[in-house]
Amino acid sequence: MLDFRTETFLCAARLLNFTRAAAELNITQPAVTQHIHYLEEYYHTKLFSLRGKKLLLTEQGEHLYQALTTIRNDELRLQNELNTIAKRKKPLSMGATMTVGEFMLPVPLSRLLRSHPDRKIRLSIDNTTKLLNMLREGTLDVAMIEGRFPKEEFDFLIWKQVEFIPVCSSRHHFREEPSIISDLFPETLILRESGSGTREILEFYLKDHDCDVDCFSGIQEITNMNAIRILTEEDCGITFLYESVVRDSIRRGAIRQIPLKDFHIVHNIVFIWRKNSIFSGEYQEIFRELS
């Protein structure tokens, strides 16, 4: 069980403001300061520094924050397992990005559940940014994501490598058949919302080529991957998706890949969890069963 002073530190480190931390914890600001000073004396190091009027974590403070966050999240899971062991249930809170959750995970997850019918899994489907925050907060144990993540915070295993491709309706007619990415800029782009893995992949690619999504003549922002696929089939714009998402549409002749000389992306889908978790062995076993 974490000491109450470490809970104060975690709150202050998250908010980077002693006054707001005191209000959130319902204690006085001098009490917050006292708790932090106690920990600094205990660990023989400064945990916070001031840059002008801005409160920042020192390098040692950041390291302690990451370590204590992992310990707290493990403790929450341990409490949950102790509470459910009498019922022989071990619920696993899993997250998946929308593409993974809708198109890649259902079949391997069904195999796992058939092999372990008593296994309890709670699956949350959201974008990469929200899933990472849920892992930090301890509301998720593991997640399968497409987007970038801070490797200093999370352990990970590569689950799949998938091709990311530009596509359009098979009946779409270009003024001139495109051969490089800039040839697509006169088109309407259909894409996911900010924070999603697929949008992040495209945005990083465009940034490396000194452009961005605003270079396209129009943008349609859609939060549902299946809706994007259907709108593309209906020739409402072009898009960039994983080949596995549009494979059936390509086979049916509803969608075609746009061959570009300067666009070749193979992306990792990763299985991640909080770094140095005491449950790492269990998470790796789940990964093997889903692979």
Foldseek 3Di string as FASTA:
>chain_A
DDDVLVVLLLQCQVVQDLCVSCVVVVHDSVVSVVSQVVVCVVVVHHQWDDDPNGIHGDPVNVVSNLVVLLVVLLVVLVVVCVVCVVVVEREAEEEEEQCCVPFPQPVLVVQVCVVPVRYHYHYHYHAQVVVVVCQSNNVHFKYWAFADDDPVWKDKDFQDKFWKFKKAFLPDDQPDQAAAPLSQQQWEEEEEDPRHNNQRVVQVVQVVVVHGPVSHPHYHYDHHPVVVLVCRLVGVTMYMGTCSSCVVVVVVRSMDTRHYPPDTDITTTMMIHTPPRPCVVVSVVVSVSSD
